[in-house]
């Protein structure tokens, strides 16, 4: 399988949204060509706590792994490809930095 696009989700407890926002502002400053999504103050979709999606092209994957390893400030980062198969992307093709969480995957068809 050839993965072309990845989602990096920064996970944070809602009470730490200010700290997470600062980390994402640093990302926006450091990597101006990387799209940063909405900063959620509640669980959304399959994500069990506050999160923000960062969309990463394949050619930037290793660079973003390194950035998050150095700048995630203790937050979890959930990484998966965007292949169009949401179930497989959120179960079989995942990488965790930090604590793993149980996702709400019932919304995805196998």
C-alpha atoms as a PDB file:
ATOM      1  CA  UNK A   1       0.000   0.000   0.000  1.00  0.00           C
ATOM      2  CA  UNK A   2       1.338   3.415  -0.940  1.00  0.00           C
ATOM      3  CA  UNK A   3       0.476   6.027   1.687  1.00  0.00           C
ATOM      4  CA  UNK A   4       0.481   9.622   0.399  1.00  0.00           C
ATOM      5  CA  UNK A   5      -1.220  11.623   3.145  1.00  0.00           C
ATOM      6  CA  UNK A   6      -1.172  11.342   6.947  1.00  0.00           C
ATOM      7  CA  UNK A   7      -3.107  12.831   9.831  1.00  0.00           C
ATOM      8  CA  UNK A   8      -1.207  13.666  13.004  1.00  0.00           C
ATOM      9  CA  UNK A   9      -3.700  14.259  15.832  1.00  0.00           C
ATOM     10  CA  UNK A  10      -2.406  16.073  18.903  1.00  0.00           C
ATOM     11  CA  UNK A  11      -4.430  14.794  21.902  1.00  0.00           C
ATOM     12  CA  UNK A  12      -4.814  16.859  25.070  1.00  0.00           C
ATOM     13  CA  UNK A  13      -7.072  17.043  28.108  1.00  0.00           C
ATOM     14  CA  UNK A  14      -9.491  19.958  27.733  1.00  0.00           C
ATOM     15  CA  UNK A  15      -8.039  21.637  30.829  1.00  0.00           C
ATOM     16  CA  UNK A  16      -4.701  21.826  28.959  1.00  0.00           C
ATOM     17  CA  UNK A  17      -6.073  23.332  25.747  1.00  0.00           C
ATOM     18  CA  UNK A  18      -4.074  26.550  26.263  1.00  0.00           C
ATOM     19  CA  UNK A  19      -0.808  24.602  26.458  1.00  0.00           C
ATOM     20  CA  UNK A  20      -1.797  22.543  23.407  1.00  0.00           C
ATOM     21  CA  UNK A  21      -2.708  25.705  21.499  1.00  0.00           C
ATOM     22  CA  UNK A  22       0.748  27.135  22.203  1.00  0.00           C
ATOM     23  CA  UNK A  23       2.378  23.953  20.884  1.00  0.00           C
ATOM     24  CA  UNK A  24       0.275  24.201  17.723  1.00  0.00           C
ATOM     25  CA  UNK A  25       1.141  27.895  17.331  1.00  0.00           C
ATOM     26  CA  UNK A  26       4.809  26.894  17.479  1.00  0.00           C
ATOM     27  CA  UNK A  27       4.124  24.295  14.789  1.00  0.00           C
ATOM     28  CA  UNK A  28       2.449  26.941  12.610  1.00  0.00           C
ATOM     29  CA  UNK A  29       5.469  29.187  13.060  1.00  0.00           C
ATOM     30  CA  UNK A  30       8.058  26.442  12.447  1.00  0.00           C
ATOM     31  CA  UNK A  31       6.286  24.685   9.555  1.00  0.00           C
ATOM     32  CA  UNK A  32       4.268  27.303   7.716  1.00  0.00           C
ATOM     33  CA  UNK A  33       3.324  24.964   4.860  1.00  0.00           C
ATOM     34  CA  UNK A  34       1.687  22.325   7.106  1.00  0.00           C
ATOM     35  CA  UNK A  35      -2.124  22.660   7.421  1.00  0.00           C
ATOM     36  CA  UNK A  36      -3.368  22.723  11.026  1.00  0.00           C
ATOM     37  CA  UNK A  37      -7.026  21.968  11.672  1.00  0.00           C
ATOM     38  CA  UNK A  38      -9.456  23.141  14.303  1.00  0.00           C
ATOM     39  CA  UNK A  39      -8.458  22.912  17.961  1.00  0.00           C
ATOM     40  CA  UNK A  40     -11.326  20.949  19.535  1.00  0.00           C
ATOM     41  CA  UNK A  41     -12.324  21.499  23.154  1.00  0.00           C
ATOM     42  CA  UNK A  42     -14.203  18.190  23.278  1.00  0.00           C
ATOM     43  CA  UNK A  43     -14.090  14.692  21.787  1.00  0.00           C
ATOM     44  CA  UNK A  44     -14.886  14.684  18.051  1.00  0.00           C
ATOM     45  CA  UNK A  45     -15.415  11.723  15.734  1.00  0.00           C
ATOM     46  CA  UNK A  46     -13.361   8.743  16.871  1.00  0.00           C
ATOM     47  CA  UNK A  47     -11.120  10.844  19.109  1.00  0.00           C
ATOM     48  CA  UNK A  48     -11.854  10.384  22.841  1.00  0.00           C
ATOM     49  CA  UNK A  49     -10.462  13.715  24.119  1.00  0.00           C
ATOM     50  CA  UNK A  50      -9.637  17.176  22.785  1.00  0.00           C
ATOM     51  CA  UNK A  51      -7.576  17.028  19.622  1.00  0.00           C
ATOM     52  CA  UNK A  52      -6.286  18.887  16.610  1.00  0.00           C
ATOM     53  CA  UNK A  53      -5.556  17.344  13.225  1.00  0.00           C
ATOM     54  CA  UNK A  54      -2.396  18.226  11.331  1.00  0.00           C
ATOM     55  CA  UNK A  55      -2.380  17.079   7.698  1.00  0.00           C
ATOM     56  CA  UNK A  56       1.005  15.890   6.463  1.00  0.00           C
ATOM     57  CA  UNK A  57       2.125  14.893   2.966  1.00  0.00           C
ATOM     58  CA  UNK A  58       4.250  11.754   2.619  1.00  0.00           C
ATOM     59  CA  UNK A  59       7.350  13.783   1.785  1.00  0.00           C
ATOM     60  CA  UNK A  60       7.045  15.630   5.135  1.00  0.00           C
ATOM     61  CA  UNK A  61       6.319  12.545   7.258  1.00  0.00           C
ATOM     62  CA  UNK A  62       9.759  12.016   8.828  1.00  0.00           C
ATOM     63  CA  UNK A  63      10.228  15.741   9.364  1.00  0.00           C
ATOM     64  CA  UNK A  64       6.924  15.894  11.266  1.00  0.00           C
ATOM     65  CA  UNK A  65       7.743  12.787  13.324  1.00  0.00           C
ATOM     66  CA  UNK A  66      10.915  14.528  14.425  1.00  0.00           C
ATOM     67  CA  UNK A  67       9.094  17.818  15.106  1.00  0.00           C
ATOM     68  CA  UNK A  68       6.487  16.140  17.314  1.00  0.00           C
ATOM     69  CA  UNK A  69       9.096  14.039  19.133  1.00  0.00           C
ATOM     70  CA  UNK A  70      10.821  17.286  20.089  1.00  0.00           C
ATOM     71  CA  UNK A  71       7.762  19.508  20.657  1.00  0.00           C
ATOM     72  CA  UNK A  72       4.737  17.495  21.789  1.00  0.00           C
ATOM     73  CA  UNK A  73       5.239  18.663  25.409  1.00  0.00           C
ATOM     74  CA  UNK A  74       4.070  15.377  26.896  1.00  0.00           C
ATOM     75  CA  UNK A  75       0.866  15.250  24.854  1.00  0.00           C
ATOM     76  CA  UNK A  76      -0.086  12.167  22.866  1.00  0.00           C
ATOM     77  CA  UNK A  77       0.164  12.197  19.087  1.00  0.00           C
ATOM     78  CA  UNK A  78      -2.004   9.738  17.155  1.00  0.00           C
ATOM     79  CA  UNK A  79      -0.841   9.216  13.564  1.00  0.00           C
ATOM     80  CA  UNK A  80      -2.584   7.406  10.722  1.00  0.00           C
ATOM     81  CA  UNK A  81      -2.650   7.505   6.926  1.00  0.00           C
ATOM     82  CA  UNK A  82      -5.629   8.874   5.003  1.00  0.00           C
ATOM     83  CA  UNK A  83      -6.345   6.107   2.485  1.00  0.00           C
ATOM     84  CA  UNK A  84     -10.111   6.485   2.287  1.00  0.00           C
ATOM     85  CA  UNK A  85     -10.656   3.394   4.440  1.00  0.00           C
ATOM     86  CA  UNK A  86     -11.371   5.047   7.800  1.00  0.00           C
ATOM     87  CA  UNK A  87     -11.692   1.755   9.657  1.00  0.00           C
ATOM     88  CA  UNK A  88      -8.285   0.433   8.562  1.00  0.00           C
ATOM     89  CA  UNK A  89      -6.682   3.858   8.920  1.00  0.00           C
ATOM     90  CA  UNK A  90      -7.810   4.105  12.563  1.00  0.00           C
ATOM     91  CA  UNK A  91      -7.108   0.468  13.542  1.00  0.00           C
ATOM     92  CA  UNK A  92      -4.505  -1.301  11.391  1.00  0.00           C
ATOM     93  CA  UNK A  93      -2.298   1.583  10.267  1.00  0.00           C
ATOM     94  CA  UNK A  94      -1.737   3.585  13.443  1.00  0.00           C
ATOM     95  CA  UNK A  95       1.271   4.988  15.278  1.00  0.00           C
ATOM     96  CA  UNK A  96       1.131   6.384  18.817  1.00  0.00           C
ATOM     97  CA  UNK A  97       3.536   8.792  20.489  1.00  0.00           C
ATOM     98  CA  UNK A  98       2.746   8.731  24.179  1.00  0.00           C
ATOM     99  CA  UNK A  99      -0.323   7.224  25.808  1.00  0.00           C
ATOM    100  CA  UNK A 100      -2.625   5.115  23.654  1.00  0.00           C
ATOM    101  CA  UNK A 101      -6.355   5.800  23.808  1.00  0.00           C
ATOM    102  CA  UNK A 102      -9.350   3.698  22.878  1.00  0.00           C
ATOM    103  CA  UNK A 103     -10.940   5.238  19.797  1.00  0.00           C
ATOM    104  CA  UNK A 104     -14.658   5.306  19.008  1.00  0.00           C
ATOM    105  CA  UNK A 105     -14.388   3.291  15.787  1.00  0.00           C
ATOM    106  CA  UNK A 106     -17.942   1.937  15.765  1.00  0.00           C
ATOM    107  CA  UNK A 107     -18.830   4.732  13.322  1.00  0.00           C
ATOM    108  CA  UNK A 108     -16.517   3.193  10.690  1.00  0.00           C
ATOM    109  CA  UNK A 109     -17.527   0.213   8.590  1.00  0.00           C
ATOM    110  CA  UNK A 110     -15.096  -2.695   8.339  1.00  0.00           C
END
